[in-house]
């Protein structure tokens, strides 16, 4: 039995090279493009471009972006990693950085190893960052709260389930695994 046929698949044009996807608080699709570095918001119903935001020139190789709550529709969190910079940036509606966390690669407080994916808990205002061998926890002001590893290796995808207050962490090495972290905040 065929579940999907060509009638069920549509192709939406994205002006760039997509590398990350998230859902906005208004239920649109937010596409992070690594070349050129921008965010494209598409209507989830039609695929029509709602807006494009060109990211500030020094945000190179963005991996993922999320839009903060409906009350702050003009604020986005973007993680990016290149050879010299590993940061999480708070950007405004025109793509300018208003705050950042990280900089030179590293594992000390204030540094990131390889940030690749984000999740947010809008109640506690915490941002979770998949950062290689651990998950970094930041306030929405991008101040560090801490991190945890609990045996994680190469954390690369996150999903926060609001109702159960669980953080799902996709990681690999050895093999592909899923860690489920119950949060008590």
C-alpha atoms as a PDB file:
ATOM      1  CA  UNK A   1       0.000   0.000   0.000  1.00  0.00           C
ATOM      2  CA  UNK A   2       1.366   3.424  -0.941  1.00  0.00           C
ATOM      3  CA  UNK A   3       1.005   5.982   1.822  1.00  0.00           C
ATOM      4  CA  UNK A   4       2.289   8.869  -0.242  1.00  0.00           C
ATOM      5  CA  UNK A   5       2.116   9.442  -3.948  1.00  0.00           C
ATOM      6  CA  UNK A   6       3.265  12.345  -6.056  1.00  0.00           C
ATOM      7  CA  UNK A   7      -0.172  13.906  -5.423  1.00  0.00           C
ATOM      8  CA  UNK A   8       0.692  14.215  -1.718  1.00  0.00           C
ATOM      9  CA  UNK A   9       4.060  15.878  -2.186  1.00  0.00           C
ATOM     10  CA  UNK A  10       4.551  19.527  -3.030  1.00  0.00           C
ATOM     11  CA  UNK A  11       7.791  21.432  -3.380  1.00  0.00           C
ATOM     12  CA  UNK A  12       8.240  24.850  -1.877  1.00  0.00           C
ATOM     13  CA  UNK A  13      10.890  27.208  -3.106  1.00  0.00           C
ATOM     14  CA  UNK A  14      13.347  28.506  -0.527  1.00  0.00           C
ATOM     15  CA  UNK A  15      15.722  31.305  -1.594  1.00  0.00           C
ATOM     16  CA  UNK A  16      18.865  29.735  -0.166  1.00  0.00           C
ATOM     17  CA  UNK A  17      20.369  26.480   1.105  1.00  0.00           C
ATOM     18  CA  UNK A  18      18.149  25.219   3.964  1.00  0.00           C
ATOM     19  CA  UNK A  19      19.951  23.698   6.934  1.00  0.00           C
ATOM     20  CA  UNK A  20      17.506  24.073   9.824  1.00  0.00           C
ATOM     21  CA  UNK A  21      13.736  24.028  10.382  1.00  0.00           C
ATOM     22  CA  UNK A  22      11.532  25.147  13.256  1.00  0.00           C
ATOM     23  CA  UNK A  23       7.953  26.228  13.843  1.00  0.00           C
ATOM     24  CA  UNK A  24       7.182  29.823  14.845  1.00  0.00           C
ATOM     25  CA  UNK A  25       4.717  30.676  17.632  1.00  0.00           C
ATOM     26  CA  UNK A  26       2.215  31.601  14.878  1.00  0.00           C
ATOM     27  CA  UNK A  27       2.672  28.081  13.408  1.00  0.00           C
ATOM     28  CA  UNK A  28       4.627  29.102  10.316  1.00  0.00           C
ATOM     29  CA  UNK A  29       7.785  27.349   9.153  1.00  0.00           C
ATOM     30  CA  UNK A  30      11.105  29.078   9.912  1.00  0.00           C
ATOM     31  CA  UNK A  31      13.868  27.929   7.566  1.00  0.00           C
ATOM     32  CA  UNK A  32      17.492  28.686   8.457  1.00  0.00           C
ATOM     33  CA  UNK A  33      19.632  29.055   5.323  1.00  0.00           C
ATOM     34  CA  UNK A  34      23.396  28.719   5.467  1.00  0.00           C
ATOM     35  CA  UNK A  35      24.011  30.270   2.030  1.00  0.00           C
ATOM     36  CA  UNK A  36      23.125  33.068   1.914  1.00  0.00           C
ATOM     37  CA  UNK A  37      22.881  33.414   5.689  1.00  0.00           C
ATOM     38  CA  UNK A  38      19.261  34.235   6.351  1.00  0.00           C
ATOM     39  CA  UNK A  39      16.010  33.096   7.866  1.00  0.00           C
ATOM     40  CA  UNK A  40      12.959  32.577   5.697  1.00  0.00           C
ATOM     41  CA  UNK A  41       9.499  32.368   7.230  1.00  0.00           C
ATOM     42  CA  UNK A  42       7.024  30.415   5.108  1.00  0.00           C
ATOM     43  CA  UNK A  43       3.291  30.036   5.545  1.00  0.00           C
ATOM     44  CA  UNK A  44       2.756  26.470   6.751  1.00  0.00           C
ATOM     45  CA  UNK A  45      -0.457  26.281   4.722  1.00  0.00           C
ATOM     46  CA  UNK A  46       0.693  27.588   1.355  1.00  0.00           C
ATOM     47  CA  UNK A  47       4.496  27.723   1.410  1.00  0.00           C
ATOM     48  CA  UNK A  48       4.305  31.409   0.507  1.00  0.00           C
ATOM     49  CA  UNK A  49       7.177  33.529   1.808  1.00  0.00           C
ATOM     50  CA  UNK A  50       5.989  35.625   4.756  1.00  0.00           C
ATOM     51  CA  UNK A  51       9.359  37.337   5.301  1.00  0.00           C
ATOM     52  CA  UNK A  52      13.085  36.999   4.810  1.00  0.00           C
ATOM     53  CA  UNK A  53      15.625  38.157   7.368  1.00  0.00           C
ATOM     54  CA  UNK A  54      19.228  38.517   6.260  1.00  0.00           C
ATOM     55  CA  UNK A  55      21.487  37.706   9.193  1.00  0.00           C
ATOM     56  CA  UNK A  56      24.288  40.009  10.313  1.00  0.00           C
ATOM     57  CA  UNK A  57      27.493  39.535   8.286  1.00  0.00           C
ATOM     58  CA  UNK A  58      29.443  37.788  11.079  1.00  0.00           C
ATOM     59  CA  UNK A  59      26.866  35.034  11.575  1.00  0.00           C
ATOM     60  CA  UNK A  60      28.544  32.435   9.397  1.00  0.00           C
ATOM     61  CA  UNK A  61      27.282  28.893   8.851  1.00  0.00           C
ATOM     62  CA  UNK A  62      24.039  29.147  10.848  1.00  0.00           C
ATOM     63  CA  UNK A  63      22.713  25.719  11.829  1.00  0.00           C
ATOM     64  CA  UNK A  64      19.340  26.377  13.425  1.00  0.00           C
ATOM     65  CA  UNK A  65      17.085  29.220  14.537  1.00  0.00           C
ATOM     66  CA  UNK A  66      13.987  29.555  16.667  1.00  0.00           C
ATOM     67  CA  UNK A  67      11.628  32.452  17.138  1.00  0.00           C
ATOM     68  CA  UNK A  68      10.873  33.359  20.718  1.00  0.00           C
ATOM     69  CA  UNK A  69       7.324  33.656  22.078  1.00  0.00           C
ATOM     70  CA  UNK A  70       4.447  35.436  20.374  1.00  0.00           C
ATOM     71  CA  UNK A  71       5.010  38.340  22.750  1.00  0.00           C
ATOM     72  CA  UNK A  72       8.500  38.831  21.294  1.00  0.00           C
ATOM     73  CA  UNK A  73       7.809  38.025  17.641  1.00  0.00           C
ATOM     74  CA  UNK A  74      10.740  40.113  16.547  1.00  0.00           C
ATOM     75  CA  UNK A  75      13.387  38.134  18.460  1.00  0.00           C
ATOM     76  CA  UNK A  76      15.118  35.024  17.192  1.00  0.00           C
ATOM     77  CA  UNK A  77      17.826  32.797  18.614  1.00  0.00           C
ATOM     78  CA  UNK A  78      20.363  31.518  16.078  1.00  0.00           C
ATOM     79  CA  UNK A  79      23.226  29.083  16.623  1.00  0.00           C
ATOM     80  CA  UNK A  80      26.178  29.051  14.265  1.00  0.00           C
ATOM     81  CA  UNK A  81      29.531  27.341  14.037  1.00  0.00           C
ATOM     82  CA  UNK A  82      32.477  28.068  11.808  1.00  0.00           C
ATOM     83  CA  UNK A  83      36.214  27.614  12.245  1.00  0.00           C
ATOM     84  CA  UNK A  84      36.666  30.739  14.382  1.00  0.00           C
ATOM     85  CA  UNK A  85      33.298  31.395  16.028  1.00  0.00           C
ATOM     86  CA  UNK A  86      30.848  29.166  17.895  1.00  0.00           C
ATOM     87  CA  UNK A  87      27.950  31.236  19.179  1.00  0.00           C
ATOM     88  CA  UNK A  88      24.315  31.471  20.036  1.00  0.00           C
ATOM     89  CA  UNK A  89      22.983  34.884  19.062  1.00  0.00           C
ATOM     90  CA  UNK A  90      19.820  36.773  19.857  1.00  0.00           C
ATOM     91  CA  UNK A  91      18.865  38.660  16.685  1.00  0.00           C
ATOM     92  CA  UNK A  92      16.179  41.216  15.966  1.00  0.00           C
ATOM     93  CA  UNK A  93      13.680  41.453  13.092  1.00  0.00           C
ATOM     94  CA  UNK A  94      16.326  42.825  10.701  1.00  0.00           C
ATOM     95  CA  UNK A  95      18.914  40.144  11.543  1.00  0.00           C
ATOM     96  CA  UNK A  96      21.184  42.265  13.755  1.00  0.00           C
ATOM     97  CA  UNK A  97      22.748  40.683  16.821  1.00  0.00           C
ATOM     98  CA  UNK A  98      21.472  42.169  20.081  1.00  0.00           C
ATOM     99  CA  UNK A  99      23.257  39.662  22.383  1.00  0.00           C
ATOM    100  CA  UNK A 100      25.477  36.643  21.984  1.00  0.00           C
ATOM    101  CA  UNK A 101      26.926  33.781  23.980  1.00  0.00           C
ATOM    102  CA  UNK A 102      30.143  32.036  22.999  1.00  0.00           C
ATOM    103  CA  UNK A 103      32.870  33.131  20.641  1.00  0.00           C
ATOM    104  CA  UNK A 104      36.121  31.217  20.341  1.00  0.00           C
ATOM    105  CA  UNK A 105      35.638  27.430  20.366  1.00  0.00           C
ATOM    106  CA  UNK A 106      36.036  25.761  23.752  1.00  0.00           C
ATOM    107  CA  UNK A 107      34.359  23.994  26.645  1.00  0.00           C
ATOM    108  CA  UNK A 108      34.707  26.583  29.424  1.00  0.00           C
ATOM    109  CA  UNK A 109      31.837  28.751  30.670  1.00  0.00           C
ATOM    110  CA  UNK A 110      31.196  31.356  27.994  1.00  0.00           C
ATOM    111  CA  UNK A 111      32.420  29.065  25.203  1.00  0.00           C
ATOM    112  CA  UNK A 112      30.740  26.546  22.933  1.00  0.00           C
ATOM    113  CA  UNK A 113      32.216  23.497  21.249  1.00  0.00           C
ATOM    114  CA  UNK A 114      29.928  22.976  18.264  1.00  0.00           C
ATOM    115  CA  UNK A 115      26.389  24.376  18.733  1.00  0.00           C
ATOM    116  CA  UNK A 116      24.049  22.705  16.261  1.00  0.00           C
ATOM    117  CA  UNK A 117      20.438  22.788  17.455  1.00  0.00           C
ATOM    118  CA  UNK A 118      18.139  24.715  19.793  1.00  0.00           C
ATOM    119  CA  UNK A 119      14.997  24.211  21.866  1.00  0.00           C
ATOM    120  CA  UNK A 120      13.174  26.618  24.154  1.00  0.00           C
ATOM    121  CA  UNK A 121      10.967  26.379  27.246  1.00  0.00           C
ATOM    122  CA  UNK A 122       8.870  29.511  27.081  1.00  0.00           C
ATOM    123  CA  UNK A 123       7.548  29.146  30.638  1.00  0.00           C
ATOM    124  CA  UNK A 124      10.948  29.140  32.305  1.00  0.00           C
ATOM    125  CA  UNK A 125      12.487  31.273  29.526  1.00  0.00           C
ATOM    126  CA  UNK A 126      15.329  28.774  29.101  1.00  0.00           C
ATOM    127  CA  UNK A 127      17.091  27.970  25.845  1.00  0.00           C
ATOM    128  CA  UNK A 128      18.682  24.550  25.363  1.00  0.00           C
ATOM    129  CA  UNK A 129      21.684  24.274  23.024  1.00  0.00           C
ATOM    130  CA  UNK A 130      22.933  20.967  21.601  1.00  0.00           C
ATOM    131  CA  UNK A 131      26.690  21.493  21.837  1.00  0.00           C
ATOM    132  CA  UNK A 132      28.641  18.398  20.956  1.00  0.00           C
ATOM    133  CA  UNK A 133      29.211  16.372  24.103  1.00  0.00           C
ATOM    134  CA  UNK A 134      26.734  18.285  26.249  1.00  0.00           C
ATOM    135  CA  UNK A 135      23.606  20.417  26.355  1.00  0.00           C
ATOM    136  CA  UNK A 136      24.072  24.033  27.421  1.00  0.00           C
ATOM    137  CA  UNK A 137      21.276  25.768  29.298  1.00  0.00           C
ATOM    138  CA  UNK A 138      20.897  29.541  28.781  1.00  0.00           C
ATOM    139  CA  UNK A 139      18.414  32.144  29.951  1.00  0.00           C
ATOM    140  CA  UNK A 140      16.657  34.026  27.152  1.00  0.00           C
ATOM    141  CA  UNK A 141      19.049  36.864  27.967  1.00  0.00           C
ATOM    142  CA  UNK A 142      21.793  34.394  26.879  1.00  0.00           C
ATOM    143  CA  UNK A 143      23.316  34.181  30.353  1.00  0.00           C
ATOM    144  CA  UNK A 144      24.634  30.732  31.222  1.00  0.00           C
ATOM    145  CA  UNK A 145      22.670  28.638  33.691  1.00  0.00           C
ATOM    146  CA  UNK A 146      24.860  25.541  33.272  1.00  0.00           C
ATOM    147  CA  UNK A 147      25.176  22.394  31.209  1.00  0.00           C
ATOM    148  CA  UNK A 148      24.778  18.675  31.503  1.00  0.00           C
ATOM    149  CA  UNK A 149      26.202  15.693  29.716  1.00  0.00           C
ATOM    150  CA  UNK A 150      24.970  12.579  31.572  1.00  0.00           C
ATOM    151  CA  UNK A 151      26.740  10.305  29.120  1.00  0.00           C
ATOM    152  CA  UNK A 152      25.714  12.186  25.991  1.00  0.00           C
ATOM    153  CA  UNK A 153      28.097  12.158  23.074  1.00  0.00           C
ATOM    154  CA  UNK A 154      27.712  14.271  19.964  1.00  0.00           C
ATOM    155  CA  UNK A 155      24.323  15.791  20.888  1.00  0.00           C
ATOM    156  CA  UNK A 156      22.965  17.155  17.643  1.00  0.00           C
ATOM    157  CA  UNK A 157      19.137  17.480  17.816  1.00  0.00           C
ATOM    158  CA  UNK A 158      16.782  18.672  20.537  1.00  0.00           C
ATOM    159  CA  UNK A 159      13.069  18.697  21.128  1.00  0.00           C
ATOM    160  CA  UNK A 160      11.447  20.079  24.276  1.00  0.00           C
ATOM    161  CA  UNK A 161       8.033  18.640  25.131  1.00  0.00           C
ATOM    162  CA  UNK A 162       6.256  21.308  27.135  1.00  0.00           C
ATOM    163  CA  UNK A 163       3.530  19.165  28.700  1.00  0.00           C
ATOM    164  CA  UNK A 164       5.797  16.455  30.109  1.00  0.00           C
ATOM    165  CA  UNK A 165       8.750  18.832  30.703  1.00  0.00           C
ATOM    166  CA  UNK A 166      11.060  16.408  28.932  1.00  0.00           C
ATOM    167  CA  UNK A 167      13.995  17.297  26.740  1.00  0.00           C
ATOM    168  CA  UNK A 168      14.661  14.764  23.992  1.00  0.00           C
ATOM    169  CA  UNK A 169      18.285  14.736  22.858  1.00  0.00           C
ATOM    170  CA  UNK A 170      19.292  12.988  19.653  1.00  0.00           C
ATOM    171  CA  UNK A 171      22.943  11.977  19.823  1.00  0.00           C
ATOM    172  CA  UNK A 172      25.350   9.556  18.242  1.00  0.00           C
ATOM    173  CA  UNK A 173      28.602   7.729  18.968  1.00  0.00           C
ATOM    174  CA  UNK A 174      28.322   4.900  19.500  1.00  0.00           C
ATOM    175  CA  UNK A 175      25.404   4.560  17.089  1.00  0.00           C
ATOM    176  CA  UNK A 176      22.367   6.811  17.024  1.00  0.00           C
ATOM    177  CA  UNK A 177      20.535   7.182  20.316  1.00  0.00           C
ATOM    178  CA  UNK A 178      17.896   9.218  22.060  1.00  0.00           C
ATOM    179  CA  UNK A 179      18.299  10.498  25.605  1.00  0.00           C
ATOM    180  CA  UNK A 180      15.229  11.639  27.505  1.00  0.00           C
ATOM    181  CA  UNK A 181      15.881  14.187  30.251  1.00  0.00           C
ATOM    182  CA  UNK A 182      13.114  14.979  32.776  1.00  0.00           C
ATOM    183  CA  UNK A 183      13.498  18.602  33.823  1.00  0.00           C
ATOM    184  CA  UNK A 184      12.617  19.926  37.267  1.00  0.00           C
ATOM    185  CA  UNK A 185      12.691  23.693  36.929  1.00  0.00           C
END
